[in-house]
Amino acid sequence: MRKALVVLLLCCLTLPVFASVPAAKDPVQPARLINDSTNLKVRRFDLQQMDAYRAQKAFRYDDVAPLHEGLWEKFWRWVWRQINDLISNKYSGGFLKYLLIAGVVAIFVFVIVKMLGLDLRIFAGKPKVVEVPYTESADNIHEINFNEEIERAIAAANYRLAVRLFYLYSLKRLDESALISWLPEKTNQTYIAELADPEKRQQFSRLTTQFEYIWYGEFFIDKETFGYVKGDFDRFNGKGT
């Protein structure tokens, strides 16, 4: 009986050991490749449809040049690219930037001068002083033979003096028409303020600006420019001198 209990106890102690021993694994089977019999359909891009999308503004996400750009557009794109490269240059960029600004200012001044009917050759040197044998006194302005004096100034190509004579003649006509009260101590701006007719005042103000730039500013004008100024005076006075 005692021996039977000992054998039973040994069996109970060794049972967990045998239970923990893993079972023998089956041998690894080699992988098998299975051929895919699916019917594949190759799809390609529609080039014409892509060109149609590129031509639409809604599909342009950057500033890339159009595919069908003309020679004129290509030329200007190349010009602006060169200018941008020069300005971006750390050595010459600053100088070229101020040079471009100076060019824009020069063009603006040129346009203003031309609109006033002046000539840019005034910057070449100071014009010769014009001798005037009379003054704008109350006695002389009504005694000047304007037709004769203006013809003489034009024949001598002295267009600055001719403009002065036209202005004095305009003052004389305004005084004779009682549109202004001419006095030697009055300024040109005073005569402008005395004109009651707004249109007449605007026209005479423009003539006054031209006269002051040409005469007091000593601006040189050529024959062609003088023709435009003379036309303005003739229209203002209603007839030729």
Protein backbone atom coordinates (compact mmCIF):
# COMPACT_ATOMS: atom_id res chain seq x y z
CA MET A 1 0.00 0.00 0.00
CA ARG A 2 2.80 2.33 0.92
CA LYS A 3 4.56 1.58 -2.38
CA ALA A 4 1.41 2.35 -4.34
CA LEU A 5 1.15 5.79 -2.75
CA VAL A 6 4.77 6.59 -3.59
CA VAL A 7 4.26 5.64 -7.25
CA LEU A 8 1.10 7.78 -7.45
CA LEU A 9 2.91 10.76 -5.95
CA LEU A 10 5.77 10.49 -8.47
CA CYS A 11 3.29 10.37 -11.32
CA CYS A 12 1.63 13.57 -10.12
CA LEU A 13 5.00 15.37 -9.88
CA THR A 14 6.19 14.41 -13.37
CA LEU A 15 2.88 15.08 -15.17
CA PRO A 16 3.38 18.91 -15.54
CA VAL A 17 6.84 18.36 -17.00
CA PHE A 18 5.55 16.12 -19.77
CA ALA A 19 2.63 18.46 -20.37
CA SER A 20 5.01 21.42 -21.00
CA VAL A 21 7.06 19.63 -23.61
CA PRO A 22 5.98 21.03 -27.03
CA ALA A 23 4.68 18.72 -29.58
CA ALA A 24 6.76 18.08 -32.60
CA LYS A 25 6.06 20.51 -35.44
CA ASP A 26 5.18 19.54 -38.92
CA PRO A 27 7.91 20.15 -41.50
CA VAL A 28 7.77 23.61 -43.24
CA GLN A 29 6.03 23.49 -46.56
CA PRO A 30 7.62 25.54 -49.43
CA ALA A 31 5.64 28.62 -50.64
CA ARG A 32 3.74 28.19 -53.83
CA LEU A 33 3.30 30.98 -56.44
CA ILE A 34 -0.17 31.38 -57.79
CA ASN A 35 -0.54 32.90 -61.24
CA ASP A 36 -2.91 35.94 -61.33
CA SER A 37 -5.32 35.40 -64.14
CA THR A 38 -7.06 38.78 -63.69
CA ASN A 39 -7.65 40.58 -67.00
CA LEU A 40 -5.77 43.95 -66.68
CA LYS A 41 -6.72 46.97 -68.80
CA VAL A 42 -3.95 49.52 -69.46
CA ARG A 43 -5.21 53.15 -69.36
CA ARG A 44 -3.38 56.10 -70.92
CA PHE A 45 -3.74 59.89 -70.57
CA ASP A 46 -5.74 61.74 -73.21
CA LEU A 47 -3.20 64.34 -74.43
CA GLN A 48 -5.81 66.44 -76.21
CA GLN A 49 -7.95 66.62 -73.09
CA MET A 50 -4.89 67.66 -71.05
CA ASP A 51 -4.17 70.50 -73.49
CA ALA A 52 -7.78 71.61 -73.18
CA TYR A 53 -7.43 71.77 -69.38
CA ARG A 54 -4.15 73.67 -69.62
CA ALA A 55 -5.81 76.30 -71.78
CA GLN A 56 -8.41 77.02 -69.10
CA LYS A 57 -7.52 79.79 -66.65
CA ALA A 58 -9.09 77.88 -63.75
CA PHE A 59 -6.44 75.15 -64.05
CA ARG A 60 -3.44 77.53 -64.02
CA TYR A 61 -1.94 77.40 -60.56
CA ASP A 62 1.22 79.35 -61.25
CA ASP A 63 2.64 81.97 -63.63
CA VAL A 64 3.95 79.52 -66.18
CA ALA A 65 3.95 80.82 -69.74
CA PRO A 66 1.17 79.49 -72.00
CA LEU A 67 2.06 76.55 -74.18
CA HIS A 68 1.21 78.39 -77.41
CA GLU A 69 2.99 81.68 -76.65
CA GLY A 70 3.71 83.97 -79.60
CA LEU A 71 7.08 85.45 -80.51
CA TRP A 72 6.10 88.90 -79.20
CA GLU A 73 5.07 87.49 -75.81
CA LYS A 74 8.24 85.40 -75.64
CA PHE A 75 10.35 88.48 -76.40
CA TRP A 76 8.82 90.56 -73.61
CA ARG A 77 8.99 87.66 -71.17
CA TRP A 78 12.69 87.38 -71.97
CA VAL A 79 13.19 91.15 -71.51
CA TRP A 80 11.49 91.19 -68.10
CA ARG A 81 13.42 88.11 -67.06
CA GLN A 82 16.70 89.88 -67.91
CA ILE A 83 15.61 93.00 -65.99
CA ASN A 84 14.61 90.90 -63.00
CA ASP A 85 17.98 89.10 -63.06
CA LEU A 86 19.84 92.42 -63.16
CA ILE A 87 17.82 93.92 -60.31
CA SER A 88 18.25 90.77 -58.24
CA ASN A 89 22.01 90.94 -58.67
CA LYS A 90 23.55 91.91 -55.32
CA TYR A 91 26.28 93.96 -57.03
CA SER A 92 24.37 95.96 -59.63
CA GLY A 93 20.75 95.53 -58.48
CA GLY A 94 20.62 98.64 -56.28
CA PHE A 95 22.14 100.89 -58.93
CA LEU A 96 19.81 99.66 -61.67
CA LYS A 97 16.79 100.05 -59.40
CA TYR A 98 17.50 103.76 -58.85
CA LEU A 99 18.39 104.14 -62.53
CA LEU A 100 14.95 102.84 -63.53
CA ILE A 101 13.27 105.21 -61.06
CA ALA A 102 15.24 108.14 -62.50
CA GLY A 103 14.18 107.10 -66.01
CA VAL A 104 10.50 107.05 -65.05
CA VAL A 105 10.80 110.50 -63.45
CA ALA A 106 12.56 111.85 -66.55
CA ILE A 107 9.78 110.56 -68.80
CA PHE A 108 7.16 112.14 -66.53
CA VAL A 109 8.94 115.52 -66.63
CA PHE A 110 9.29 115.27 -70.42
CA VAL A 111 5.54 114.69 -70.83
CA ILE A 112 4.69 117.64 -68.56
CA VAL A 113 7.05 119.97 -70.44
CA LYS A 114 5.58 118.93 -73.79
CA MET A 115 2.04 119.44 -72.52
CA LEU A 116 2.96 123.01 -71.60
CA GLY A 117 4.26 123.59 -75.11
CA LEU A 118 7.88 124.06 -74.06
CA ASP A 119 11.14 122.86 -75.56
CA LEU A 120 13.69 120.72 -73.74
CA ARG A 121 16.62 122.52 -75.35
CA ILE A 122 16.34 125.11 -72.59
CA PHE A 123 18.51 122.82 -70.48
CA ALA A 124 21.39 123.11 -72.94
CA GLY A 125 22.21 126.59 -71.70
CA LYS A 126 20.78 129.93 -70.69
CA PRO A 127 19.13 131.71 -73.63
CA LYS A 128 20.30 135.04 -74.82
CA VAL A 129 18.70 137.99 -73.03
CA VAL A 130 16.08 139.65 -75.19
CA GLU A 131 16.19 143.43 -75.32
CA VAL A 132 12.70 144.95 -75.06
CA PRO A 133 12.41 148.55 -76.26
CA TYR A 134 9.21 149.17 -74.23
CA THR A 135 7.63 148.37 -70.88
CA GLU A 136 4.19 147.29 -69.78
CA SER A 137 3.24 150.76 -68.60
CA ALA A 138 -0.24 152.14 -69.05
CA ASP A 139 0.98 154.56 -71.71
CA ASN A 140 2.88 152.11 -73.93
CA ILE A 141 0.53 149.09 -73.96
CA HIS A 142 -2.03 151.08 -75.93
CA GLU A 143 0.56 152.58 -78.26
CA ILE A 144 2.41 149.46 -79.41
CA ASN A 145 1.84 148.46 -83.01
CA PHE A 146 1.38 144.79 -82.20
CA ASN A 147 1.00 143.62 -85.80
CA GLU A 148 4.31 145.17 -86.79
CA GLU A 149 6.19 144.14 -83.64
CA ILE A 150 4.98 140.53 -83.73
CA GLU A 151 5.87 140.15 -87.42
CA ARG A 152 9.32 141.54 -86.71
CA ALA A 153 9.90 139.13 -83.80
CA ILE A 154 8.75 136.13 -85.84
CA ALA A 155 10.94 137.11 -88.80
CA ALA A 156 13.94 137.21 -86.44
CA ALA A 157 12.92 133.79 -84.98
CA ASN A 158 12.62 135.52 -81.61
CA TYR A 159 9.65 133.44 -80.51
CA ARG A 160 9.95 134.27 -76.81
CA LEU A 161 9.48 137.96 -77.58
CA ALA A 162 6.59 137.13 -79.90
CA VAL A 163 4.84 135.25 -77.06
CA ARG A 164 5.34 138.30 -74.79
CA LEU A 165 3.78 140.54 -77.41
CA PHE A 166 0.81 138.19 -77.81
CA TYR A 167 0.24 138.28 -74.06
CA LEU A 168 0.39 142.08 -73.92
CA TYR A 169 -1.99 142.25 -76.85
CA SER A 170 -4.42 139.95 -74.99
CA LEU A 171 -4.29 142.23 -71.96
CA LYS A 172 -5.00 145.22 -74.18
CA ARG A 173 -8.07 143.56 -75.74
CA LEU A 174 -9.41 142.52 -72.31
CA ASP A 175 -8.96 146.08 -71.03
CA GLU A 176 -10.65 147.57 -74.10
CA SER A 177 -13.57 145.14 -73.65
CA ALA A 178 -13.90 146.20 -69.98
CA LEU A 179 -13.36 142.61 -68.87
CA ILE A 180 -10.41 143.71 -66.71
CA SER A 181 -9.15 147.01 -65.37
CA TRP A 182 -5.55 147.25 -66.48
CA LEU A 183 -3.06 148.92 -64.13
CA PRO A 184 0.75 148.63 -64.18
CA GLU A 185 0.97 147.56 -60.53
CA LYS A 186 -1.42 144.59 -60.94
CA THR A 187 -0.20 141.04 -61.32
CA ASN A 188 -1.24 138.51 -63.92
CA GLN A 189 -3.09 136.53 -61.27
CA THR A 190 -5.13 139.64 -60.46
CA TYR A 191 -6.29 139.89 -64.07
CA ILE A 192 -7.29 136.22 -64.01
CA ALA A 193 -9.40 136.81 -60.88
CA GLU A 194 -11.13 139.81 -62.50
CA LEU A 195 -12.53 137.72 -65.36
CA ALA A 196 -16.15 136.88 -64.50
CA ASP A 197 -16.67 134.34 -67.29
CA PRO A 198 -15.38 130.93 -65.99
CA GLU A 199 -14.47 129.67 -69.47
CA LYS A 200 -12.66 132.90 -70.32
CA ARG A 201 -10.86 132.78 -66.98
CA GLN A 202 -9.71 129.21 -67.56
CA GLN A 203 -8.41 130.00 -71.06
CA PHE A 204 -6.53 133.11 -69.93
CA SER A 205 -5.08 131.24 -66.94
CA ARG A 206 -3.59 128.68 -69.33
CA LEU A 207 -2.15 131.42 -71.54
CA THR A 208 -0.69 133.13 -68.47
CA THR A 209 1.03 129.90 -67.40
CA GLN A 210 2.56 129.46 -70.86
CA PHE A 211 3.69 133.08 -70.99
CA GLU A 212 5.30 133.03 -67.54
CA TYR A 213 7.17 129.79 -68.22
CA ILE A 214 8.43 130.99 -71.59
CA TRP A 215 9.26 134.60 -70.69
CA TYR A 216 10.12 134.77 -66.99
CA GLY A 217 11.34 131.17 -66.88
CA GLU A 218 13.46 131.84 -69.99
CA PHE A 219 12.29 128.65 -71.66
CA PHE A 220 13.37 128.26 -75.26
CA ILE A 221 10.70 127.41 -77.83
CA ASP A 222 11.17 126.51 -81.46
CA LYS A 223 9.06 127.43 -84.48
CA GLU A 224 6.81 124.38 -84.24
CA THR A 225 6.04 124.90 -80.55
CA PHE A 226 5.46 128.60 -81.11
CA GLY A 227 2.83 127.70 -83.71
CA TYR A 228 0.78 125.88 -81.05
CA VAL A 229 1.12 128.76 -78.57
CA LYS A 230 0.18 131.33 -81.24
CA GLY A 231 -2.91 129.28 -82.09
CA ASP A 232 -4.03 129.40 -78.44
CA PHE A 233 -3.66 133.22 -78.36
CA ASP A 234 -5.48 133.65 -81.69
CA ARG A 235 -8.42 131.54 -80.46
CA PHE A 236 -8.58 133.47 -77.21
CA ASN A 237 -8.56 136.85 -78.93
CA GLY A 238 -11.12 135.76 -81.49
CA LYS A 239 -9.05 136.86 -84.47
CA GLY A 240 -5.48 137.34 -85.68
CA THR A 241 -3.42 140.32 -84.68
